[in-house]
Amino acid sequence: CRRVFDRDPGKARTALTAIEQSART
């Protein structure tokens, strides 16, 4: 997410969603 945050916000958002799910699990 840190690497693609500026170039591709959509992929960064997807990665953050995955991080949220993984954290809850």
PDBML (XML) file of the C-alpha atoms, coordinates in Angstrom:
<?xml version="1.0" encoding="UTF-8" ?>
<PDBx:datablock datablockName="MODEL"
   xmlns:PDBx="http://pdbml.pdb.org/schema/pdbx-v50.xsd"
   xmlns:xsi="http://www.w3.org/2001/XMLSchema-instance"
   xsi:schemaLocation="http://pdbml.pdb.org/schema/pdbx-v50.xsd pdbx-v50.xsd">
   <PDBx:atom_siteCategory>
      <PDBx:atom_site id="1">
         <PDBx:B_iso_or_equiv>0.00</PDBx:B_iso_or_equiv>
         <PDBx:Cartn_x>0.000</PDBx:Cartn_x>
         <PDBx:Cartn_y>0.000</PDBx:Cartn_y>
         <PDBx:Cartn_z>0.000</PDBx:Cartn_z>
         <PDBx:auth_asym_id>A</PDBx:auth_asym_id>
         <PDBx:auth_atom_id>CA</PDBx:auth_atom_id>
         <PDBx:auth_comp_id>CYS</PDBx:auth_comp_id>
         <PDBx:auth_seq_id>1</PDBx:auth_seq_id>
         <PDBx:group_PDB>ATOM</PDBx:group_PDB>
         <PDBx:label_alt_id xsi:nil="true" />
         <PDBx:label_asym_id>A</PDBx:label_asym_id>
         <PDBx:label_atom_id>CA</PDBx:label_atom_id>
         <PDBx:label_comp_id>CYS</PDBx:label_comp_id>
         <PDBx:label_entity_id>1</PDBx:label_entity_id>
         <PDBx:label_seq_id>1</PDBx:label_seq_id>
         <PDBx:occupancy>1.00</PDBx:occupancy>
         <PDBx:pdbx_PDB_model_num>1</PDBx:pdbx_PDB_model_num>
         <PDBx:type_symbol>C</PDBx:type_symbol>
      </PDBx:atom_site>
      <PDBx:atom_site id="2">
         <PDBx:B_iso_or_equiv>0.00</PDBx:B_iso_or_equiv>
         <PDBx:Cartn_x>2.815</PDBx:Cartn_x>
         <PDBx:Cartn_y>2.385</PDBx:Cartn_y>
         <PDBx:Cartn_z>0.838</PDBx:Cartn_z>
         <PDBx:auth_asym_id>A</PDBx:auth_asym_id>
         <PDBx:auth_atom_id>CA</PDBx:auth_atom_id>
         <PDBx:auth_comp_id>ARG</PDBx:auth_comp_id>
         <PDBx:auth_seq_id>2</PDBx:auth_seq_id>
         <PDBx:group_PDB>ATOM</PDBx:group_PDB>
         <PDBx:label_alt_id xsi:nil="true" />
         <PDBx:label_asym_id>A</PDBx:label_asym_id>
         <PDBx:label_atom_id>CA</PDBx:label_atom_id>
         <PDBx:label_comp_id>ARG</PDBx:label_comp_id>
         <PDBx:label_entity_id>1</PDBx:label_entity_id>
         <PDBx:label_seq_id>2</PDBx:label_seq_id>
         <PDBx:occupancy>1.00</PDBx:occupancy>
         <PDBx:pdbx_PDB_model_num>1</PDBx:pdbx_PDB_model_num>
         <PDBx:type_symbol>C</PDBx:type_symbol>
      </PDBx:atom_site>
      <PDBx:atom_site id="3">
         <PDBx:B_iso_or_equiv>0.00</PDBx:B_iso_or_equiv>
         <PDBx:Cartn_x>4.484</PDBx:Cartn_x>
         <PDBx:Cartn_y>1.726</PDBx:Cartn_y>
         <PDBx:Cartn_z>-2.510</PDBx:Cartn_z>
         <PDBx:auth_asym_id>A</PDBx:auth_asym_id>
         <PDBx:auth_atom_id>CA</PDBx:auth_atom_id>
         <PDBx:auth_comp_id>ARG</PDBx:auth_comp_id>
         <PDBx:auth_seq_id>3</PDBx:auth_seq_id>
         <PDBx:group_PDB>ATOM</PDBx:group_PDB>
         <PDBx:label_alt_id xsi:nil="true" />
         <PDBx:label_asym_id>A</PDBx:label_asym_id>
         <PDBx:label_atom_id>CA</PDBx:label_atom_id>
         <PDBx:label_comp_id>ARG</PDBx:label_comp_id>
         <PDBx:label_entity_id>1</PDBx:label_entity_id>
         <PDBx:label_seq_id>3</PDBx:label_seq_id>
         <PDBx:occupancy>1.00</PDBx:occupancy>
         <PDBx:pdbx_PDB_model_num>1</PDBx:pdbx_PDB_model_num>
         <PDBx:type_symbol>C</PDBx:type_symbol>
      </PDBx:atom_site>
      <PDBx:atom_site id="4">
         <PDBx:B_iso_or_equiv>0.00</PDBx:B_iso_or_equiv>
         <PDBx:Cartn_x>1.363</PDBx:Cartn_x>
         <PDBx:Cartn_y>2.256</PDBx:Cartn_y>
         <PDBx:Cartn_z>-4.669</PDBx:Cartn_z>
         <PDBx:auth_asym_id>A</PDBx:auth_asym_id>
         <PDBx:auth_atom_id>CA</PDBx:auth_atom_id>
         <PDBx:auth_comp_id>VAL</PDBx:auth_comp_id>
         <PDBx:auth_seq_id>4</PDBx:auth_seq_id>
         <PDBx:group_PDB>ATOM</PDBx:group_PDB>
         <PDBx:label_alt_id xsi:nil="true" />
         <PDBx:label_asym_id>A</PDBx:label_asym_id>
         <PDBx:label_atom_id>CA</PDBx:label_atom_id>
         <PDBx:label_comp_id>VAL</PDBx:label_comp_id>
         <PDBx:label_entity_id>1</PDBx:label_entity_id>
         <PDBx:label_seq_id>4</PDBx:label_seq_id>
         <PDBx:occupancy>1.00</PDBx:occupancy>
         <PDBx:pdbx_PDB_model_num>1</PDBx:pdbx_PDB_model_num>
         <PDBx:type_symbol>C</PDBx:type_symbol>
      </PDBx:atom_site>
      <PDBx:atom_site id="5">
         <PDBx:B_iso_or_equiv>0.00</PDBx:B_iso_or_equiv>
         <PDBx:Cartn_x>-0.422</PDBx:Cartn_x>
         <PDBx:Cartn_y>4.824</PDBx:Cartn_y>
         <PDBx:Cartn_z>-2.512</PDBx:Cartn_z>
         <PDBx:auth_asym_id>A</PDBx:auth_asym_id>
         <PDBx:auth_atom_id>CA</PDBx:auth_atom_id>
         <PDBx:auth_comp_id>PHE</PDBx:auth_comp_id>
         <PDBx:auth_seq_id>5</PDBx:auth_seq_id>
         <PDBx:group_PDB>ATOM</PDBx:group_PDB>
         <PDBx:label_alt_id xsi:nil="true" />
         <PDBx:label_asym_id>A</PDBx:label_asym_id>
         <PDBx:label_atom_id>CA</PDBx:label_atom_id>
         <PDBx:label_comp_id>PHE</PDBx:label_comp_id>
         <PDBx:label_entity_id>1</PDBx:label_entity_id>
         <PDBx:label_seq_id>5</PDBx:label_seq_id>
         <PDBx:occupancy>1.00</PDBx:occupancy>
         <PDBx:pdbx_PDB_model_num>1</PDBx:pdbx_PDB_model_num>
         <PDBx:type_symbol>C</PDBx:type_symbol>
      </PDBx:atom_site>
      <PDBx:atom_site id="6">
         <PDBx:B_iso_or_equiv>0.00</PDBx:B_iso_or_equiv>
         <PDBx:Cartn_x>0.505</PDBx:Cartn_x>
         <PDBx:Cartn_y>7.794</PDBx:Cartn_y>
         <PDBx:Cartn_z>-4.725</PDBx:Cartn_z>
         <PDBx:auth_asym_id>A</PDBx:auth_asym_id>
         <PDBx:auth_atom_id>CA</PDBx:auth_atom_id>
         <PDBx:auth_comp_id>ASP</PDBx:auth_comp_id>
         <PDBx:auth_seq_id>6</PDBx:auth_seq_id>
         <PDBx:group_PDB>ATOM</PDBx:group_PDB>
         <PDBx:label_alt_id xsi:nil="true" />
         <PDBx:label_asym_id>A</PDBx:label_asym_id>
         <PDBx:label_atom_id>CA</PDBx:label_atom_id>
         <PDBx:label_comp_id>ASP</PDBx:label_comp_id>
         <PDBx:label_entity_id>1</PDBx:label_entity_id>
         <PDBx:label_seq_id>6</PDBx:label_seq_id>
         <PDBx:occupancy>1.00</PDBx:occupancy>
         <PDBx:pdbx_PDB_model_num>1</PDBx:pdbx_PDB_model_num>
         <PDBx:type_symbol>C</PDBx:type_symbol>
      </PDBx:atom_site>
      <PDBx:atom_site id="7">
         <PDBx:B_iso_or_equiv>0.00</PDBx:B_iso_or_equiv>
         <PDBx:Cartn_x>0.441</PDBx:Cartn_x>
         <PDBx:Cartn_y>6.008</PDBx:Cartn_y>
         <PDBx:Cartn_z>-8.114</PDBx:Cartn_z>
         <PDBx:auth_asym_id>A</PDBx:auth_asym_id>
         <PDBx:auth_atom_id>CA</PDBx:auth_atom_id>
         <PDBx:auth_comp_id>ARG</PDBx:auth_comp_id>
         <PDBx:auth_seq_id>7</PDBx:auth_seq_id>
         <PDBx:group_PDB>ATOM</PDBx:group_PDB>
         <PDBx:label_alt_id xsi:nil="true" />
         <PDBx:label_asym_id>A</PDBx:label_asym_id>
         <PDBx:label_atom_id>CA</PDBx:label_atom_id>
         <PDBx:label_comp_id>ARG</PDBx:label_comp_id>
         <PDBx:label_entity_id>1</PDBx:label_entity_id>
         <PDBx:label_seq_id>7</PDBx:label_seq_id>
         <PDBx:occupancy>1.00</PDBx:occupancy>
         <PDBx:pdbx_PDB_model_num>1</PDBx:pdbx_PDB_model_num>
         <PDBx:type_symbol>C</PDBx:type_symbol>
      </PDBx:atom_site>
      <PDBx:atom_site id="8">
         <PDBx:B_iso_or_equiv>0.00</PDBx:B_iso_or_equiv>
         <PDBx:Cartn_x>-2.709</PDBx:Cartn_x>
         <PDBx:Cartn_y>3.876</PDBx:Cartn_y>
         <PDBx:Cartn_z>-7.773</PDBx:Cartn_z>
         <PDBx:auth_asym_id>A</PDBx:auth_asym_id>
         <PDBx:auth_atom_id>CA</PDBx:auth_atom_id>
         <PDBx:auth_comp_id>ASP</PDBx:auth_comp_id>
         <PDBx:auth_seq_id>8</PDBx:auth_seq_id>
         <PDBx:group_PDB>ATOM</PDBx:group_PDB>
         <PDBx:label_alt_id xsi:nil="true" />
         <PDBx:label_asym_id>A</PDBx:label_asym_id>
         <PDBx:label_atom_id>CA</PDBx:label_atom_id>
         <PDBx:label_comp_id>ASP</PDBx:label_comp_id>
         <PDBx:label_entity_id>1</PDBx:label_entity_id>
         <PDBx:label_seq_id>8</PDBx:label_seq_id>
         <PDBx:occupancy>1.00</PDBx:occupancy>
         <PDBx:pdbx_PDB_model_num>1</PDBx:pdbx_PDB_model_num>
         <PDBx:type_symbol>C</PDBx:type_symbol>
      </PDBx:atom_site>
      <PDBx:atom_site id="9">
         <PDBx:B_iso_or_equiv>0.00</PDBx:B_iso_or_equiv>
         <PDBx:Cartn_x>-5.140</PDBx:Cartn_x>
         <PDBx:Cartn_y>4.914</PDBx:Cartn_y>
         <PDBx:Cartn_z>-4.960</PDBx:Cartn_z>
         <PDBx:auth_asym_id>A</PDBx:auth_asym_id>
         <PDBx:auth_atom_id>CA</PDBx:auth_atom_id>
         <PDBx:auth_comp_id>PRO</PDBx:auth_comp_id>
         <PDBx:auth_seq_id>9</PDBx:auth_seq_id>
         <PDBx:group_PDB>ATOM</PDBx:group_PDB>
         <PDBx:label_alt_id xsi:nil="true" />
         <PDBx:label_asym_id>A</PDBx:label_asym_id>
         <PDBx:label_atom_id>CA</PDBx:label_atom_id>
         <PDBx:label_comp_id>PRO</PDBx:label_comp_id>
         <PDBx:label_entity_id>1</PDBx:label_entity_id>
         <PDBx:label_seq_id>9</PDBx:label_seq_id>
         <PDBx:occupancy>1.00</PDBx:occupancy>
         <PDBx:pdbx_PDB_model_num>1</PDBx:pdbx_PDB_model_num>
         <PDBx:type_symbol>C</PDBx:type_symbol>
      </PDBx:atom_site>
      <PDBx:atom_site id="10">
         <PDBx:B_iso_or_equiv>0.00</PDBx:B_iso_or_equiv>
         <PDBx:Cartn_x>-7.566</PDBx:Cartn_x>
         <PDBx:Cartn_y>2.132</PDBx:Cartn_y>
         <PDBx:Cartn_z>-6.002</PDBx:Cartn_z>
         <PDBx:auth_asym_id>A</PDBx:auth_asym_id>
         <PDBx:auth_atom_id>CA</PDBx:auth_atom_id>
         <PDBx:auth_comp_id>GLY</PDBx:auth_comp_id>
         <PDBx:auth_seq_id>10</PDBx:auth_seq_id>
         <PDBx:group_PDB>ATOM</PDBx:group_PDB>
         <PDBx:label_alt_id xsi:nil="true" />
         <PDBx:label_asym_id>A</PDBx:label_asym_id>
         <PDBx:label_atom_id>CA</PDBx:label_atom_id>
         <PDBx:label_comp_id>GLY</PDBx:label_comp_id>
         <PDBx:label_entity_id>1</PDBx:label_entity_id>
         <PDBx:label_seq_id>10</PDBx:label_seq_id>
         <PDBx:occupancy>1.00</PDBx:occupancy>
         <PDBx:pdbx_PDB_model_num>1</PDBx:pdbx_PDB_model_num>
         <PDBx:type_symbol>C</PDBx:type_symbol>
      </PDBx:atom_site>
      <PDBx:atom_site id="11">
         <PDBx:B_iso_or_equiv>0.00</PDBx:B_iso_or_equiv>
         <PDBx:Cartn_x>-5.064</PDBx:Cartn_x>
         <PDBx:Cartn_y>-0.641</PDBx:Cartn_y>
         <PDBx:Cartn_z>-5.341</PDBx:Cartn_z>
         <PDBx:auth_asym_id>A</PDBx:auth_asym_id>
         <PDBx:auth_atom_id>CA</PDBx:auth_atom_id>
         <PDBx:auth_comp_id>LYS</PDBx:auth_comp_id>
         <PDBx:auth_seq_id>11</PDBx:auth_seq_id>
         <PDBx:group_PDB>ATOM</PDBx:group_PDB>
         <PDBx:label_alt_id xsi:nil="true" />
         <PDBx:label_asym_id>A</PDBx:label_asym_id>
         <PDBx:label_atom_id>CA</PDBx:label_atom_id>
         <PDBx:label_comp_id>LYS</PDBx:label_comp_id>
         <PDBx:label_entity_id>1</PDBx:label_entity_id>
         <PDBx:label_seq_id>11</PDBx:label_seq_id>
         <PDBx:occupancy>1.00</PDBx:occupancy>
         <PDBx:pdbx_PDB_model_num>1</PDBx:pdbx_PDB_model_num>
         <PDBx:type_symbol>C</PDBx:type_symbol>
      </PDBx:atom_site>
      <PDBx:atom_site id="12">
         <PDBx:B_iso_or_equiv>0.00</PDBx:B_iso_or_equiv>
         <PDBx:Cartn_x>-4.014</PDBx:Cartn_x>
         <PDBx:Cartn_y>1.090</PDBx:Cartn_y>
         <PDBx:Cartn_z>-2.154</PDBx:Cartn_z>
         <PDBx:auth_asym_id>A</PDBx:auth_asym_id>
         <PDBx:auth_atom_id>CA</PDBx:auth_atom_id>
         <PDBx:auth_comp_id>ALA</PDBx:auth_comp_id>
         <PDBx:auth_seq_id>12</PDBx:auth_seq_id>
         <PDBx:group_PDB>ATOM</PDBx:group_PDB>
         <PDBx:label_alt_id xsi:nil="true" />
         <PDBx:label_asym_id>A</PDBx:label_asym_id>
         <PDBx:label_atom_id>CA</PDBx:label_atom_id>
         <PDBx:label_comp_id>ALA</PDBx:label_comp_id>
         <PDBx:label_entity_id>1</PDBx:label_entity_id>
         <PDBx:label_seq_id>12</PDBx:label_seq_id>
         <PDBx:occupancy>1.00</PDBx:occupancy>
         <PDBx:pdbx_PDB_model_num>1</PDBx:pdbx_PDB_model_num>
         <PDBx:type_symbol>C</PDBx:type_symbol>
      </PDBx:atom_site>
      <PDBx:atom_site id="13">
         <PDBx:B_iso_or_equiv>0.00</PDBx:B_iso_or_equiv>
         <PDBx:Cartn_x>-7.626</PDBx:Cartn_x>
         <PDBx:Cartn_y>1.160</PDBx:Cartn_y>
         <PDBx:Cartn_z>-0.996</PDBx:Cartn_z>
         <PDBx:auth_asym_id>A</PDBx:auth_asym_id>
         <PDBx:auth_atom_id>CA</PDBx:auth_atom_id>
         <PDBx:auth_comp_id>ARG</PDBx:auth_comp_id>
         <PDBx:auth_seq_id>13</PDBx:auth_seq_id>
         <PDBx:group_PDB>ATOM</PDBx:group_PDB>
         <PDBx:label_alt_id xsi:nil="true" />
         <PDBx:label_asym_id>A</PDBx:label_asym_id>
         <PDBx:label_atom_id>CA</PDBx:label_atom_id>
         <PDBx:label_comp_id>ARG</PDBx:label_comp_id>
         <PDBx:label_entity_id>1</PDBx:label_entity_id>
         <PDBx:label_seq_id>13</PDBx:label_seq_id>
         <PDBx:occupancy>1.00</PDBx:occupancy>
         <PDBx:pdbx_PDB_model_num>1</PDBx:pdbx_PDB_model_num>
         <PDBx:type_symbol>C</PDBx:type_symbol>
      </PDBx:atom_site>
      <PDBx:atom_site id="14">
         <PDBx:B_iso_or_equiv>0.00</PDBx:B_iso_or_equiv>
         <PDBx:Cartn_x>-7.962</PDBx:Cartn_x>
         <PDBx:Cartn_y>-2.551</PDBx:Cartn_y>
         <PDBx:Cartn_z>-1.780</PDBx:Cartn_z>
         <PDBx:auth_asym_id>A</PDBx:auth_asym_id>
         <PDBx:auth_atom_id>CA</PDBx:auth_atom_id>
         <PDBx:auth_comp_id>THR</PDBx:auth_comp_id>
         <PDBx:auth_seq_id>14</PDBx:auth_seq_id>
         <PDBx:group_PDB>ATOM</PDBx:group_PDB>
         <PDBx:label_alt_id xsi:nil="true" />
         <PDBx:label_asym_id>A</PDBx:label_asym_id>
         <PDBx:label_atom_id>CA</PDBx:label_atom_id>
         <PDBx:label_comp_id>THR</PDBx:label_comp_id>
         <PDBx:label_entity_id>1</PDBx:label_entity_id>
         <PDBx:label_seq_id>14</PDBx:label_seq_id>
         <PDBx:occupancy>1.00</PDBx:occupancy>
         <PDBx:pdbx_PDB_model_num>1</PDBx:pdbx_PDB_model_num>
         <PDBx:type_symbol>C</PDBx:type_symbol>
      </PDBx:atom_site>
      <PDBx:atom_site id="15">
         <PDBx:B_iso_or_equiv>0.00</PDBx:B_iso_or_equiv>
         <PDBx:Cartn_x>-4.811</PDBx:Cartn_x>
         <PDBx:Cartn_y>-3.294</PDBx:Cartn_y>
         <PDBx:Cartn_z>0.203</PDBx:Cartn_z>
         <PDBx:auth_asym_id>A</PDBx:auth_asym_id>
         <PDBx:auth_atom_id>CA</PDBx:auth_atom_id>
         <PDBx:auth_comp_id>ALA</PDBx:auth_comp_id>
         <PDBx:auth_seq_id>15</PDBx:auth_seq_id>
         <PDBx:group_PDB>ATOM</PDBx:group_PDB>
         <PDBx:label_alt_id xsi:nil="true" />
         <PDBx:label_asym_id>A</PDBx:label_asym_id>
         <PDBx:label_atom_id>CA</PDBx:label_atom_id>
         <PDBx:label_comp_id>ALA</PDBx:label_comp_id>
         <PDBx:label_entity_id>1</PDBx:label_entity_id>
         <PDBx:label_seq_id>15</PDBx:label_seq_id>
         <PDBx:occupancy>1.00</PDBx:occupancy>
         <PDBx:pdbx_PDB_model_num>1</PDBx:pdbx_PDB_model_num>
         <PDBx:type_symbol>C</PDBx:type_symbol>
      </PDBx:atom_site>
      <PDBx:atom_site id="16">
         <PDBx:B_iso_or_equiv>0.00</PDBx:B_iso_or_equiv>
         <PDBx:Cartn_x>-6.091</PDBx:Cartn_x>
         <PDBx:Cartn_y>-1.290</PDBx:Cartn_y>
         <PDBx:Cartn_z>3.183</PDBx:Cartn_z>
         <PDBx:auth_asym_id>A</PDBx:auth_asym_id>
         <PDBx:auth_atom_id>CA</PDBx:auth_atom_id>
         <PDBx:auth_comp_id>LEU</PDBx:auth_comp_id>
         <PDBx:auth_seq_id>16</PDBx:auth_seq_id>
         <PDBx:group_PDB>ATOM</PDBx:group_PDB>
         <PDBx:label_alt_id xsi:nil="true" />
         <PDBx:label_asym_id>A</PDBx:label_asym_id>
         <PDBx:label_atom_id>CA</PDBx:label_atom_id>
         <PDBx:label_comp_id>LEU</PDBx:label_comp_id>
         <PDBx:label_entity_id>1</PDBx:label_entity_id>
         <PDBx:label_seq_id>16</PDBx:label_seq_id>
         <PDBx:occupancy>1.00</PDBx:occupancy>
         <PDBx:pdbx_PDB_model_num>1</PDBx:pdbx_PDB_model_num>
         <PDBx:type_symbol>C</PDBx:type_symbol>
      </PDBx:atom_site>
      <PDBx:atom_site id="17">
         <PDBx:B_iso_or_equiv>0.00</PDBx:B_iso_or_equiv>
         <PDBx:Cartn_x>-9.374</PDBx:Cartn_x>
         <PDBx:Cartn_y>-3.246</PDBx:Cartn_y>
         <PDBx:Cartn_z>3.071</PDBx:Cartn_z>
         <PDBx:auth_asym_id>A</PDBx:auth_asym_id>
         <PDBx:auth_atom_id>CA</PDBx:auth_atom_id>
         <PDBx:auth_comp_id>THR</PDBx:auth_comp_id>
         <PDBx:auth_seq_id>17</PDBx:auth_seq_id>
         <PDBx:group_PDB>ATOM</PDBx:group_PDB>
         <PDBx:label_alt_id xsi:nil="true" />
         <PDBx:label_asym_id>A</PDBx:label_asym_id>
         <PDBx:label_atom_id>CA</PDBx:label_atom_id>
         <PDBx:label_comp_id>THR</PDBx:label_comp_id>
         <PDBx:label_entity_id>1</PDBx:label_entity_id>
         <PDBx:label_seq_id>17</PDBx:label_seq_id>
         <PDBx:occupancy>1.00</PDBx:occupancy>
         <PDBx:pdbx_PDB_model_num>1</PDBx:pdbx_PDB_model_num>
         <PDBx:type_symbol>C</PDBx:type_symbol>
      </PDBx:atom_site>
      <PDBx:atom_site id="18">
         <PDBx:B_iso_or_equiv>0.00</PDBx:B_iso_or_equiv>
         <PDBx:Cartn_x>-7.414</PDBx:Cartn_x>
         <PDBx:Cartn_y>-6.492</PDBx:Cartn_y>
         <PDBx:Cartn_z>3.129</PDBx:Cartn_z>
         <PDBx:auth_asym_id>A</PDBx:auth_asym_id>
         <PDBx:auth_atom_id>CA</PDBx:auth_atom_id>
         <PDBx:auth_comp_id>ALA</PDBx:auth_comp_id>
         <PDBx:auth_seq_id>18</PDBx:auth_seq_id>
         <PDBx:group_PDB>ATOM</PDBx:group_PDB>
         <PDBx:label_alt_id xsi:nil="true" />
         <PDBx:label_asym_id>A</PDBx:label_asym_id>
         <PDBx:label_atom_id>CA</PDBx:label_atom_id>
         <PDBx:label_comp_id>ALA</PDBx:label_comp_id>
         <PDBx:label_entity_id>1</PDBx:label_entity_id>
         <PDBx:label_seq_id>18</PDBx:label_seq_id>
         <PDBx:occupancy>1.00</PDBx:occupancy>
         <PDBx:pdbx_PDB_model_num>1</PDBx:pdbx_PDB_model_num>
         <PDBx:type_symbol>C</PDBx:type_symbol>
      </PDBx:atom_site>
      <PDBx:atom_site id="19">
         <PDBx:B_iso_or_equiv>0.00</PDBx:B_iso_or_equiv>
         <PDBx:Cartn_x>-5.353</PDBx:Cartn_x>
         <PDBx:Cartn_y>-5.186</PDBx:Cartn_y>
         <PDBx:Cartn_z>6.040</PDBx:Cartn_z>
         <PDBx:auth_asym_id>A</PDBx:auth_asym_id>
         <PDBx:auth_atom_id>CA</PDBx:auth_atom_id>
         <PDBx:auth_comp_id>ILE</PDBx:auth_comp_id>
         <PDBx:auth_seq_id>19</PDBx:auth_seq_id>
         <PDBx:group_PDB>ATOM</PDBx:group_PDB>
         <PDBx:label_alt_id xsi:nil="true" />
         <PDBx:label_asym_id>A</PDBx:label_asym_id>
         <PDBx:label_atom_id>CA</PDBx:label_atom_id>
         <PDBx:label_comp_id>ILE</PDBx:label_comp_id>
         <PDBx:label_entity_id>1</PDBx:label_entity_id>
         <PDBx:label_seq_id>19</PDBx:label_seq_id>
         <PDBx:occupancy>1.00</PDBx:occupancy>
         <PDBx:pdbx_PDB_model_num>1</PDBx:pdbx_PDB_model_num>
         <PDBx:type_symbol>C</PDBx:type_symbol>
      </PDBx:atom_site>
      <PDBx:atom_site id="20">
         <PDBx:B_iso_or_equiv>0.00</PDBx:B_iso_or_equiv>
         <PDBx:Cartn_x>-8.559</PDBx:Cartn_x>
         <PDBx:Cartn_y>-4.374</PDBx:Cartn_y>
         <PDBx:Cartn_z>7.938</PDBx:Cartn_z>
         <PDBx:auth_asym_id>A</PDBx:auth_asym_id>
         <PDBx:auth_atom_id>CA</PDBx:auth_atom_id>
         <PDBx:auth_comp_id>GLU</PDBx:auth_comp_id>
         <PDBx:auth_seq_id>20</PDBx:auth_seq_id>
         <PDBx:group_PDB>ATOM</PDBx:group_PDB>
         <PDBx:label_alt_id xsi:nil="true" />
         <PDBx:label_asym_id>A</PDBx:label_asym_id>
         <PDBx:label_atom_id>CA</PDBx:label_atom_id>
         <PDBx:label_comp_id>GLU</PDBx:label_comp_id>
         <PDBx:label_entity_id>1</PDBx:label_entity_id>
         <PDBx:label_seq_id>20</PDBx:label_seq_id>
         <PDBx:occupancy>1.00</PDBx:occupancy>
         <PDBx:pdbx_PDB_model_num>1</PDBx:pdbx_PDB_model_num>
         <PDBx:type_symbol>C</PDBx:type_symbol>
      </PDBx:atom_site>
      <PDBx:atom_site id="21">
         <PDBx:B_iso_or_equiv>0.00</PDBx:B_iso_or_equiv>
         <PDBx:Cartn_x>-9.976</PDBx:Cartn_x>
         <PDBx:Cartn_y>-7.868</PDBx:Cartn_y>
         <PDBx:Cartn_z>7.361</PDBx:Cartn_z>
         <PDBx:auth_asym_id>A</PDBx:auth_asym_id>
         <PDBx:auth_atom_id>CA</PDBx:auth_atom_id>
         <PDBx:auth_comp_id>GLN</PDBx:auth_comp_id>
         <PDBx:auth_seq_id>21</PDBx:auth_seq_id>
         <PDBx:group_PDB>ATOM</PDBx:group_PDB>
         <PDBx:label_alt_id xsi:nil="true" />
         <PDBx:label_asym_id>A</PDBx:label_asym_id>
         <PDBx:label_atom_id>CA</PDBx:label_atom_id>
         <PDBx:label_comp_id>GLN</PDBx:label_comp_id>
         <PDBx:label_entity_id>1</PDBx:label_entity_id>
         <PDBx:label_seq_id>21</PDBx:label_seq_id>
         <PDBx:occupancy>1.00</PDBx:occupancy>
         <PDBx:pdbx_PDB_model_num>1</PDBx:pdbx_PDB_model_num>
         <PDBx:type_symbol>C</PDBx:type_symbol>
      </PDBx:atom_site>
      <PDBx:atom_site id="22">
         <PDBx:B_iso_or_equiv>0.00</PDBx:B_iso_or_equiv>
         <PDBx:Cartn_x>-6.705</PDBx:Cartn_x>
         <PDBx:Cartn_y>-9.540</PDBx:Cartn_y>
         <PDBx:Cartn_z>8.293</PDBx:Cartn_z>
         <PDBx:auth_asym_id>A</PDBx:auth_asym_id>
         <PDBx:auth_atom_id>CA</PDBx:auth_atom_id>
         <PDBx:auth_comp_id>SER</PDBx:auth_comp_id>
         <PDBx:auth_seq_id>22</PDBx:auth_seq_id>
         <PDBx:group_PDB>ATOM</PDBx:group_PDB>
         <PDBx:label_alt_id xsi:nil="true" />
         <PDBx:label_asym_id>A</PDBx:label_asym_id>
         <PDBx:label_atom_id>CA</PDBx:label_atom_id>
         <PDBx:label_comp_id>SER</PDBx:label_comp_id>
         <PDBx:label_entity_id>1</PDBx:label_entity_id>
         <PDBx:label_seq_id>22</PDBx:label_seq_id>
         <PDBx:occupancy>1.00</PDBx:occupancy>
         <PDBx:pdbx_PDB_model_num>1</PDBx:pdbx_PDB_model_num>
         <PDBx:type_symbol>C</PDBx:type_symbol>
      </PDBx:atom_site>
      <PDBx:atom_site id="23">
         <PDBx:B_iso_or_equiv>0.00</PDBx:B_iso_or_equiv>
         <PDBx:Cartn_x>-6.469</PDBx:Cartn_x>
         <PDBx:Cartn_y>-7.468</PDBx:Cartn_y>
         <PDBx:Cartn_z>11.474</PDBx:Cartn_z>
         <PDBx:auth_asym_id>A</PDBx:auth_asym_id>
         <PDBx:auth_atom_id>CA</PDBx:auth_atom_id>
         <PDBx:auth_comp_id>ALA</PDBx:auth_comp_id>
         <PDBx:auth_seq_id>23</PDBx:auth_seq_id>
         <PDBx:group_PDB>ATOM</PDBx:group_PDB>
         <PDBx:label_alt_id xsi:nil="true" />
         <PDBx:label_asym_id>A</PDBx:label_asym_id>
         <PDBx:label_atom_id>CA</PDBx:label_atom_id>
         <PDBx:label_comp_id>ALA</PDBx:label_comp_id>
         <PDBx:label_entity_id>1</PDBx:label_entity_id>
         <PDBx:label_seq_id>23</PDBx:label_seq_id>
         <PDBx:occupancy>1.00</PDBx:occupancy>
         <PDBx:pdbx_PDB_model_num>1</PDBx:pdbx_PDB_model_num>
         <PDBx:type_symbol>C</PDBx:type_symbol>
      </PDBx:atom_site>
      <PDBx:atom_site id="24">
         <PDBx:B_iso_or_equiv>0.00</PDBx:B_iso_or_equiv>
         <PDBx:Cartn_x>-9.969</PDBx:Cartn_x>
         <PDBx:Cartn_y>-8.446</PDBx:Cartn_y>
         <PDBx:Cartn_z>12.552</PDBx:Cartn_z>
         <PDBx:auth_asym_id>A</PDBx:auth_asym_id>
         <PDBx:auth_atom_id>CA</PDBx:auth_atom_id>
         <PDBx:auth_comp_id>ARG</PDBx:auth_comp_id>
         <PDBx:auth_seq_id>24</PDBx:auth_seq_id>
         <PDBx:group_PDB>ATOM</PDBx:group_PDB>
         <PDBx:label_alt_id xsi:nil="true" />
         <PDBx:label_asym_id>A</PDBx:label_asym_id>
         <PDBx:label_atom_id>CA</PDBx:label_atom_id>
         <PDBx:label_comp_id>ARG</PDBx:label_comp_id>
         <PDBx:label_entity_id>1</PDBx:label_entity_id>
         <PDBx:label_seq_id>24</PDBx:label_seq_id>
         <PDBx:occupancy>1.00</PDBx:occupancy>
         <PDBx:pdbx_PDB_model_num>1</PDBx:pdbx_PDB_model_num>
         <PDBx:type_symbol>C</PDBx:type_symbol>
      </PDBx:atom_site>
      <PDBx:atom_site id="25">
         <PDBx:B_iso_or_equiv>0.00</PDBx:B_iso_or_equiv>
         <PDBx:Cartn_x>-9.273</PDBx:Cartn_x>
         <PDBx:Cartn_y>-12.097</PDBx:Cartn_y>
         <PDBx:Cartn_z>11.817</PDBx:Cartn_z>
         <PDBx:auth_asym_id>A</PDBx:auth_asym_id>
         <PDBx:auth_atom_id>CA</PDBx:auth_atom_id>
         <PDBx:auth_comp_id>THR</PDBx:auth_comp_id>
         <PDBx:auth_seq_id>25</PDBx:auth_seq_id>
         <PDBx:group_PDB>ATOM</PDBx:group_PDB>
         <PDBx:label_alt_id xsi:nil="true" />
         <PDBx:label_asym_id>A</PDBx:label_asym_id>
         <PDBx:label_atom_id>CA</PDBx:label_atom_id>
         <PDBx:label_comp_id>THR</PDBx:label_comp_id>
         <PDBx:label_entity_id>1</PDBx:label_entity_id>
         <PDBx:label_seq_id>25</PDBx:label_seq_id>
         <PDBx:occupancy>1.00</PDBx:occupancy>
         <PDBx:pdbx_PDB_model_num>1</PDBx:pdbx_PDB_model_num>
         <PDBx:type_symbol>C</PDBx:type_symbol>
      </PDBx:atom_site>
   </PDBx:atom_siteCategory>
</PDBx:datablock>
